[in-house]
Amino acid sequence: MEAVTETGPPRIGGRLKAARQARRLTLTDVAEASGLTKGFLSKLERDQASASVAALVRVCGALGISPGSLFEPALGGEVVRAGSYPPITFGGEGLTEFLLTPSGERRLQAILSEVAPGGGSGEEAYALPAEVEFVFVLEGDLEVTVAGDATALGPGDAFTFSPGTEHGFRSLRADGVTRVLWVFAPALSEGRVAVRETIVDS
């Protein structure tokens, strides 16, 4: 008998059902191929039950899909709610930063920075292994220096450059917080974030 427990995140029933229907298989077909009952599979597709690892592997085998594909970012999108942004440590001085994109997103990464007066990336310039870096100033005034050339940005200003070039930034405000949206493509992995911290804090 299959182990059945109360459903919890992540929800995979919709993906299992979509995979089954795309292959024109019935619940009976999948039940016979996986050795599980139709009733259990029906509950699984409606997220009313969860499967053991062994059972889930058998279902995926019957459907011809990888178990890992069930946990990829949702095609319909993922929400990071206002007030629930995960805080991150990204190096620098006088910075409070939050991750706006899901932690598993690898195509791009969006970060919200709140920079205290005089705060920024630090005295030493740094480079990042991404292809594109986009900066948008939401509030306050920011100076971004790329390859020795400084550009002053105010509210509503946007700036795009190659993060592989040594650069840095600092708030130009005498008081109040400068709020900045940063977007990197592709996303900076945890290892890449550590690179920035090492360079800035050295």
C-alpha atoms as a PDB file:
ATOM      1  CA  MET A   1       0.000   0.000   0.000  1.00  0.00           C
ATOM      2  CA  GLU A   2       1.280   3.488  -0.870  1.00  0.00           C
ATOM      3  CA  ALA A   3       2.254   5.873   1.914  1.00  0.00           C
ATOM      4  CA  VAL A   4      -0.144   8.811   1.860  1.00  0.00           C
ATOM      5  CA  THR A   5       0.327  11.965   3.881  1.00  0.00           C
ATOM      6  CA  GLU A   6      -1.257  15.371   3.947  1.00  0.00           C
ATOM      7  CA  THR A   7      -0.228  17.508   1.035  1.00  0.00           C
ATOM      8  CA  GLY A   8       2.328  20.261   1.550  1.00  0.00           C
ATOM      9  CA  PRO A   9       4.317  22.459  -0.784  1.00  0.00           C
ATOM     10  CA  PRO A  10       5.529  22.087  -3.454  1.00  0.00           C
ATOM     11  CA  ARG A  11       2.349  21.155  -5.355  1.00  0.00           C
ATOM     12  CA  ILE A  12       3.106  18.763  -8.190  1.00  0.00           C
ATOM     13  CA  GLY A  13      -0.324  17.342  -9.020  1.00  0.00           C
ATOM     14  CA  GLY A  14      -0.984  19.714 -11.889  1.00  0.00           C
ATOM     15  CA  ARG A  15       2.318  18.858 -13.530  1.00  0.00           C
ATOM     16  CA  LEU A  16       1.710  15.133 -13.205  1.00  0.00           C
ATOM     17  CA  LYS A  17      -1.742  15.459 -14.738  1.00  0.00           C
ATOM     18  CA  ALA A  18      -0.478  17.662 -17.571  1.00  0.00           C
ATOM     19  CA  ALA A  19       2.295  15.156 -18.359  1.00  0.00           C
ATOM     20  CA  ARG A  20      -0.181  12.277 -18.379  1.00  0.00           C
ATOM     21  CA  GLN A  21      -2.652  14.073 -20.627  1.00  0.00           C
ATOM     22  CA  ALA A  22       0.102  15.202 -22.995  1.00  0.00           C
ATOM     23  CA  ARG A  23       0.989  11.543 -23.514  1.00  0.00           C
ATOM     24  CA  ARG A  24      -2.675  10.561 -23.922  1.00  0.00           C
ATOM     25  CA  LEU A  25      -2.480   8.172 -20.981  1.00  0.00           C
ATOM     26  CA  THR A  26      -5.348   7.312 -18.669  1.00  0.00           C
ATOM     27  CA  LEU A  27      -5.070   6.909 -14.921  1.00  0.00           C
ATOM     28  CA  THR A  28      -5.474   3.182 -15.533  1.00  0.00           C
ATOM     29  CA  ASP A  29      -2.483   3.193 -17.892  1.00  0.00           C
ATOM     30  CA  VAL A  30      -0.286   4.953 -15.324  1.00  0.00           C
ATOM     31  CA  ALA A  31      -1.561   2.741 -12.500  1.00  0.00           C
ATOM     32  CA  GLU A  32      -0.667  -0.407 -14.417  1.00  0.00           C
ATOM     33  CA  ALA A  33       2.758   0.888 -15.420  1.00  0.00           C
ATOM     34  CA  SER A  34       3.669   2.169 -11.957  1.00  0.00           C
ATOM     35  CA  GLY A  35       2.082  -0.491  -9.791  1.00  0.00           C
ATOM     36  CA  LEU A  36       0.072   2.149  -7.889  1.00  0.00           C
ATOM     37  CA  THR A  37      -3.687   2.392  -7.539  1.00  0.00           C
ATOM     38  CA  LYS A  38      -5.924   4.629  -9.656  1.00  0.00           C
ATOM     39  CA  GLY A  39      -7.399   6.142  -6.499  1.00  0.00           C
ATOM     40  CA  PHE A  40      -3.991   7.117  -5.172  1.00  0.00           C
ATOM     41  CA  LEU A  41      -2.917   8.602  -8.516  1.00  0.00           C
ATOM     42  CA  SER A  42      -6.144  10.596  -8.731  1.00  0.00           C
ATOM     43  CA  LYS A  43      -5.505  12.079  -5.279  1.00  0.00           C
ATOM     44  CA  LEU A  44      -1.902  12.786  -6.216  1.00  0.00           C
ATOM     45  CA  GLU A  45      -2.977  14.756  -9.306  1.00  0.00           C
ATOM     46  CA  ARG A  46      -5.376  16.803  -7.172  1.00  0.00           C
ATOM     47  CA  ASP A  47      -2.695  17.489  -4.538  1.00  0.00           C
ATOM     48  CA  GLN A  48      -4.748  15.622  -1.955  1.00  0.00           C
ATOM     49  CA  ALA A  49      -1.963  13.119  -1.251  1.00  0.00           C
ATOM     50  CA  SER A  50       1.810  12.960  -1.453  1.00  0.00           C
ATOM     51  CA  ALA A  51       3.938  10.062  -2.606  1.00  0.00           C
ATOM     52  CA  SER A  52       7.006   8.421  -1.143  1.00  0.00           C
ATOM     53  CA  VAL A  53      10.187   8.963  -3.135  1.00  0.00           C
ATOM     54  CA  ALA A  54       9.972   5.424  -4.513  1.00  0.00           C
ATOM     55  CA  ALA A  55       6.354   5.866  -5.580  1.00  0.00           C
ATOM     56  CA  LEU A  56       7.079   9.218  -7.210  1.00  0.00           C
ATOM     57  CA  VAL A  57       9.970   7.722  -9.165  1.00  0.00           C
ATOM     58  CA  ARG A  58       7.642   4.980 -10.436  1.00  0.00           C
ATOM     59  CA  VAL A  59       5.001   7.531 -11.503  1.00  0.00           C
ATOM     60  CA  CYS A  60       7.579   9.621 -13.331  1.00  0.00           C
ATOM     61  CA  GLY A  61       8.932   6.492 -15.001  1.00  0.00           C
ATOM     62  CA  ALA A  62       5.448   5.609 -16.225  1.00  0.00           C
ATOM     63  CA  LEU A  63       5.036   9.150 -17.581  1.00  0.00           C
ATOM     64  CA  GLY A  64       8.494   9.274 -19.131  1.00  0.00           C
ATOM     65  CA  ILE A  65       9.555  12.409 -17.247  1.00  0.00           C
ATOM     66  CA  SER A  66      12.350  13.264 -14.825  1.00  0.00           C
ATOM     67  CA  PRO A  67      11.380  13.606 -11.139  1.00  0.00           C
ATOM     68  CA  GLY A  68      13.417  16.818 -11.043  1.00  0.00           C
ATOM     69  CA  SER A  69      11.183  18.396 -13.686  1.00  0.00           C
ATOM     70  CA  LEU A  70       8.339  18.484 -11.143  1.00  0.00           C
ATOM     71  CA  PHE A  71      10.209  20.983  -9.002  1.00  0.00           C
ATOM     72  CA  GLU A  72      11.420  23.426 -11.637  1.00  0.00           C
ATOM     73  CA  PRO A  73      10.077  27.013 -11.486  1.00  0.00           C
ATOM     74  CA  ALA A  74       6.399  27.132 -12.338  1.00  0.00           C
ATOM     75  CA  LEU A  75       5.574  28.008 -15.929  1.00  0.00           C
ATOM     76  CA  GLY A  76       2.893  30.377 -14.686  1.00  0.00           C
ATOM     77  CA  GLY A  77       5.400  32.301 -12.583  1.00  0.00           C
ATOM     78  CA  GLU A  78       6.400  32.558  -8.935  1.00  0.00           C
ATOM     79  CA  VAL A  79       5.462  35.355  -6.549  1.00  0.00           C
ATOM     80  CA  VAL A  80       7.744  37.012  -3.994  1.00  0.00           C
ATOM     81  CA  ARG A  81       5.343  39.071  -1.878  1.00  0.00           C
ATOM     82  CA  ALA A  82       5.967  42.643  -0.747  1.00  0.00           C
ATOM     83  CA  GLY A  83       7.227  42.621   2.809  1.00  0.00           C
ATOM     84  CA  SER A  84       8.526  39.061   2.433  1.00  0.00           C
ATOM     85  CA  TYR A  85      11.697  39.685   0.435  1.00  0.00           C
ATOM     86  CA  PRO A  86      14.499  37.409   1.709  1.00  0.00           C
ATOM     87  CA  PRO A  87      17.436  39.478   3.023  1.00  0.00           C
ATOM     88  CA  ILE A  88      20.829  38.666   1.516  1.00  0.00           C
ATOM     89  CA  THR A  89      24.430  39.580   2.306  1.00  0.00           C
ATOM     90  CA  PHE A  90      26.159  40.871  -0.786  1.00  0.00           C
ATOM     91  CA  GLY A  91      29.136  42.746   0.647  1.00  0.00           C
ATOM     92  CA  GLY A  92      29.714  46.502   0.732  1.00  0.00           C
ATOM     93  CA  GLU A  93      29.177  49.162   3.386  1.00  0.00           C
ATOM     94  CA  GLY A  94      25.925  50.666   4.655  1.00  0.00           C
ATOM     95  CA  LEU A  95      23.830  48.291   2.553  1.00  0.00           C
ATOM     96  CA  THR A  96      20.647  46.390   3.254  1.00  0.00           C
ATOM     97  CA  GLU A  97      19.735  44.103   0.369  1.00  0.00           C
ATOM     98  CA  PHE A  98      16.862  41.799  -0.556  1.00  0.00           C
ATOM     99  CA  LEU A  99      16.373  39.141  -3.231  1.00  0.00           C
ATOM    100  CA  LEU A 100      13.324  39.836  -5.424  1.00  0.00           C
ATOM    101  CA  THR A 101      13.528  36.824  -7.724  1.00  0.00           C
ATOM    102  CA  PRO A 102      12.957  33.215  -6.583  1.00  0.00           C
ATOM    103  CA  SER A 103      16.104  31.643  -5.177  1.00  0.00           C
ATOM    104  CA  GLY A 104      16.016  28.908  -7.828  1.00  0.00           C
ATOM    105  CA  GLU A 105      15.832  31.339 -10.760  1.00  0.00           C
ATOM    106  CA  ARG A 106      19.020  31.157 -12.817  1.00  0.00           C
ATOM    107  CA  ARG A 107      18.161  33.158 -15.954  1.00  0.00           C
ATOM    108  CA  LEU A 108      18.299  36.498 -14.167  1.00  0.00           C
ATOM    109  CA  GLN A 109      18.430  37.899 -10.650  1.00  0.00           C
ATOM    110  CA  ALA A 110      16.849  41.044  -9.236  1.00  0.00           C
ATOM    111  CA  ILE A 111      18.085  42.615  -6.000  1.00  0.00           C
ATOM    112  CA  LEU A 112      16.729  45.597  -4.063  1.00  0.00           C
ATOM    113  CA  SER A 113      19.384  47.667  -2.275  1.00  0.00           C
ATOM    114  CA  GLU A 114      18.797  50.254   0.421  1.00  0.00           C
ATOM    115  CA  VAL A 115      21.984  52.301   0.634  1.00  0.00           C
ATOM    116  CA  ALA A 116      22.698  54.523   3.640  1.00  0.00           C
ATOM    117  CA  PRO A 117      24.234  57.977   3.074  1.00  0.00           C
ATOM    118  CA  GLY A 118      27.807  57.497   1.942  1.00  0.00           C
ATOM    119  CA  GLY A 119      27.311  53.731   1.716  1.00  0.00           C
ATOM    120  CA  GLY A 120      28.125  51.606  -1.279  1.00  0.00           C
ATOM    121  CA  SER A 121      30.294  48.813  -2.607  1.00  0.00           C
ATOM    122  CA  GLY A 122      33.459  49.971  -0.835  1.00  0.00           C
ATOM    123  CA  GLU A 123      36.741  51.551  -1.907  1.00  0.00           C
ATOM    124  CA  GLU A 124      37.937  48.733  -4.164  1.00  0.00           C
ATOM    125  CA  ALA A 125      36.371  48.132  -7.576  1.00  0.00           C
ATOM    126  CA  TYR A 126      35.116  44.649  -8.417  1.00  0.00           C
ATOM    127  CA  ALA A 127      33.968  42.571 -11.393  1.00  0.00           C
ATOM    128  CA  LEU A 128      31.226  39.963 -11.597  1.00  0.00           C
ATOM    129  CA  PRO A 129      30.917  36.914 -13.885  1.00  0.00           C
ATOM    130  CA  ALA A 130      27.573  37.881 -15.453  1.00  0.00           C
ATOM    131  CA  GLU A 131      26.813  39.134 -18.952  1.00  0.00           C
ATOM    132  CA  VAL A 132      24.651  42.176 -18.195  1.00  0.00           C
ATOM    133  CA  GLU A 133      24.014  44.353 -15.144  1.00  0.00           C
ATOM    134  CA  PHE A 134      21.056  46.760 -15.067  1.00  0.00           C
ATOM    135  CA  VAL A 135      20.626  49.510 -12.466  1.00  0.00           C
ATOM    136  CA  PHE A 136      17.432  51.472 -11.802  1.00  0.00           C
ATOM    137  CA  VAL A 137      17.301  54.152  -9.099  1.00  0.00           C
ATOM    138  CA  LEU A 138      13.978  54.124  -7.277  1.00  0.00           C
ATOM    139  CA  GLU A 139      14.774  56.818  -4.744  1.00  0.00           C
ATOM    140  CA  GLY A 140      17.773  58.989  -3.902  1.00  0.00           C
ATOM    141  CA  ASP A 141      21.002  59.534  -5.800  1.00  0.00           C
ATOM    142  CA  LEU A 142      23.620  56.972  -6.799  1.00  0.00           C
ATOM    143  CA  GLU A 143      27.018  57.173  -8.439  1.00  0.00           C
ATOM    144  CA  VAL A 144      28.150  54.177 -10.480  1.00  0.00           C
ATOM    145  CA  THR A 145      31.772  54.054 -11.607  1.00  0.00           C
ATOM    146  CA  VAL A 146      32.687  51.697 -14.457  1.00  0.00           C
ATOM    147  CA  ALA A 147      36.305  51.448 -15.656  1.00  0.00           C
ATOM    148  CA  GLY A 148      37.068  54.719 -13.885  1.00  0.00           C
ATOM    149  CA  ASP A 149      34.166  56.685 -15.427  1.00  0.00           C
ATOM    150  CA  ALA A 150      31.614  57.923 -12.873  1.00  0.00           C
ATOM    151  CA  THR A 151      27.933  58.339 -13.763  1.00  0.00           C
ATOM    152  CA  ALA A 152      25.497  60.081 -11.415  1.00  0.00           C
ATOM    153  CA  LEU A 153      21.971  58.644 -11.373  1.00  0.00           C
ATOM    154  CA  GLY A 154      18.811  60.109  -9.871  1.00  0.00           C
ATOM    155  CA  PRO A 155      15.297  58.775  -9.309  1.00  0.00           C
ATOM    156  CA  GLY A 156      13.998  57.116 -12.472  1.00  0.00           C
ATOM    157  CA  ASP A 157      17.420  56.878 -14.124  1.00  0.00           C
ATOM    158  CA  ALA A 158      18.499  53.538 -15.573  1.00  0.00           C
ATOM    159  CA  PHE A 159      21.994  52.349 -16.444  1.00  0.00           C
ATOM    160  CA  THR A 160      23.147  49.164 -18.210  1.00  0.00           C
ATOM    161  CA  PHE A 161      26.728  47.921 -18.414  1.00  0.00           C
ATOM    162  CA  SER A 162      28.963  44.851 -18.494  1.00  0.00           C
ATOM    163  CA  PRO A 163      29.633  43.661 -14.930  1.00  0.00           C
ATOM    164  CA  GLY A 164      32.808  41.945 -16.097  1.00  0.00           C
ATOM    165  CA  THR A 165      34.366  45.428 -16.144  1.00  0.00           C
ATOM    166  CA  GLU A 166      35.655  46.612 -12.765  1.00  0.00           C
ATOM    167  CA  HIS A 167      33.110  48.904 -11.179  1.00  0.00           C
ATOM    168  CA  GLY A 168      31.677  50.225  -7.936  1.00  0.00           C
ATOM    169  CA  PHE A 169      28.886  52.396  -6.571  1.00  0.00           C
ATOM    170  CA  ARG A 170      28.039  54.748  -3.719  1.00  0.00           C
ATOM    171  CA  SER A 171      25.134  56.807  -2.474  1.00  0.00           C
ATOM    172  CA  LEU A 172      25.402  60.548  -3.135  1.00  0.00           C
ATOM    173  CA  ARG A 173      22.772  61.487  -0.563  1.00  0.00           C
ATOM    174  CA  ALA A 174      23.751  63.427   2.551  1.00  0.00           C
ATOM    175  CA  ASP A 175      20.726  62.008   4.368  1.00  0.00           C
ATOM    176  CA  GLY A 176      18.003  59.475   3.679  1.00  0.00           C
ATOM    177  CA  VAL A 177      18.187  56.110   1.983  1.00  0.00           C
ATOM    178  CA  THR A 178      18.922  55.525  -1.689  1.00  0.00           C
ATOM    179  CA  ARG A 179      16.833  52.617  -3.020  1.00  0.00           C
ATOM    180  CA  VAL A 180      18.158  50.813  -6.075  1.00  0.00           C
ATOM    181  CA  LEU A 181      16.999  47.891  -8.227  1.00  0.00           C
ATOM    182  CA  TRP A 182      19.790  45.745  -9.643  1.00  0.00           C
ATOM    183  CA  VAL A 183      19.211  43.074 -12.298  1.00  0.00           C
ATOM    184  CA  PHE A 184      21.860  40.549 -13.355  1.00  0.00           C
ATOM    185  CA  ALA A 185      21.743  38.155 -16.281  1.00  0.00           C
ATOM    186  CA  PRO A 186      22.400  35.351 -15.808  1.00  0.00           C
ATOM    187  CA  ALA A 187      21.787  35.113 -12.068  1.00  0.00           C
ATOM    188  CA  LEU A 188      24.721  35.271  -9.689  1.00  0.00           C
ATOM    189  CA  SER A 189      25.080  31.918  -7.962  1.00  0.00           C
ATOM    190  CA  GLU A 190      25.985  31.684  -4.276  1.00  0.00           C
ATOM    191  CA  GLY A 191      29.592  31.191  -5.311  1.00  0.00           C
ATOM    192  CA  ARG A 192      29.492  34.320  -7.458  1.00  0.00           C
ATOM    193  CA  VAL A 193      28.049  36.339  -4.603  1.00  0.00           C
ATOM    194  CA  ALA A 194      30.941  35.177  -2.430  1.00  0.00           C
ATOM    195  CA  VAL A 195      33.332  36.491  -5.084  1.00  0.00           C
ATOM    196  CA  ARG A 196      31.881  39.972  -4.778  1.00  0.00           C
ATOM    197  CA  GLU A 197      32.037  39.870  -0.977  1.00  0.00           C
ATOM    198  CA  THR A 198      35.673  38.811  -1.056  1.00  0.00           C
ATOM    199  CA  ILE A 199      36.707  41.563  -3.442  1.00  0.00           C
ATOM    200  CA  VAL A 200      34.775  44.317  -1.690  1.00  0.00           C
ATOM    201  CA  ASP A 201      35.782  43.383   1.847  1.00  0.00           C
ATOM    202  CA  SER A 202      39.432  42.664   1.203  1.00  0.00           C
END
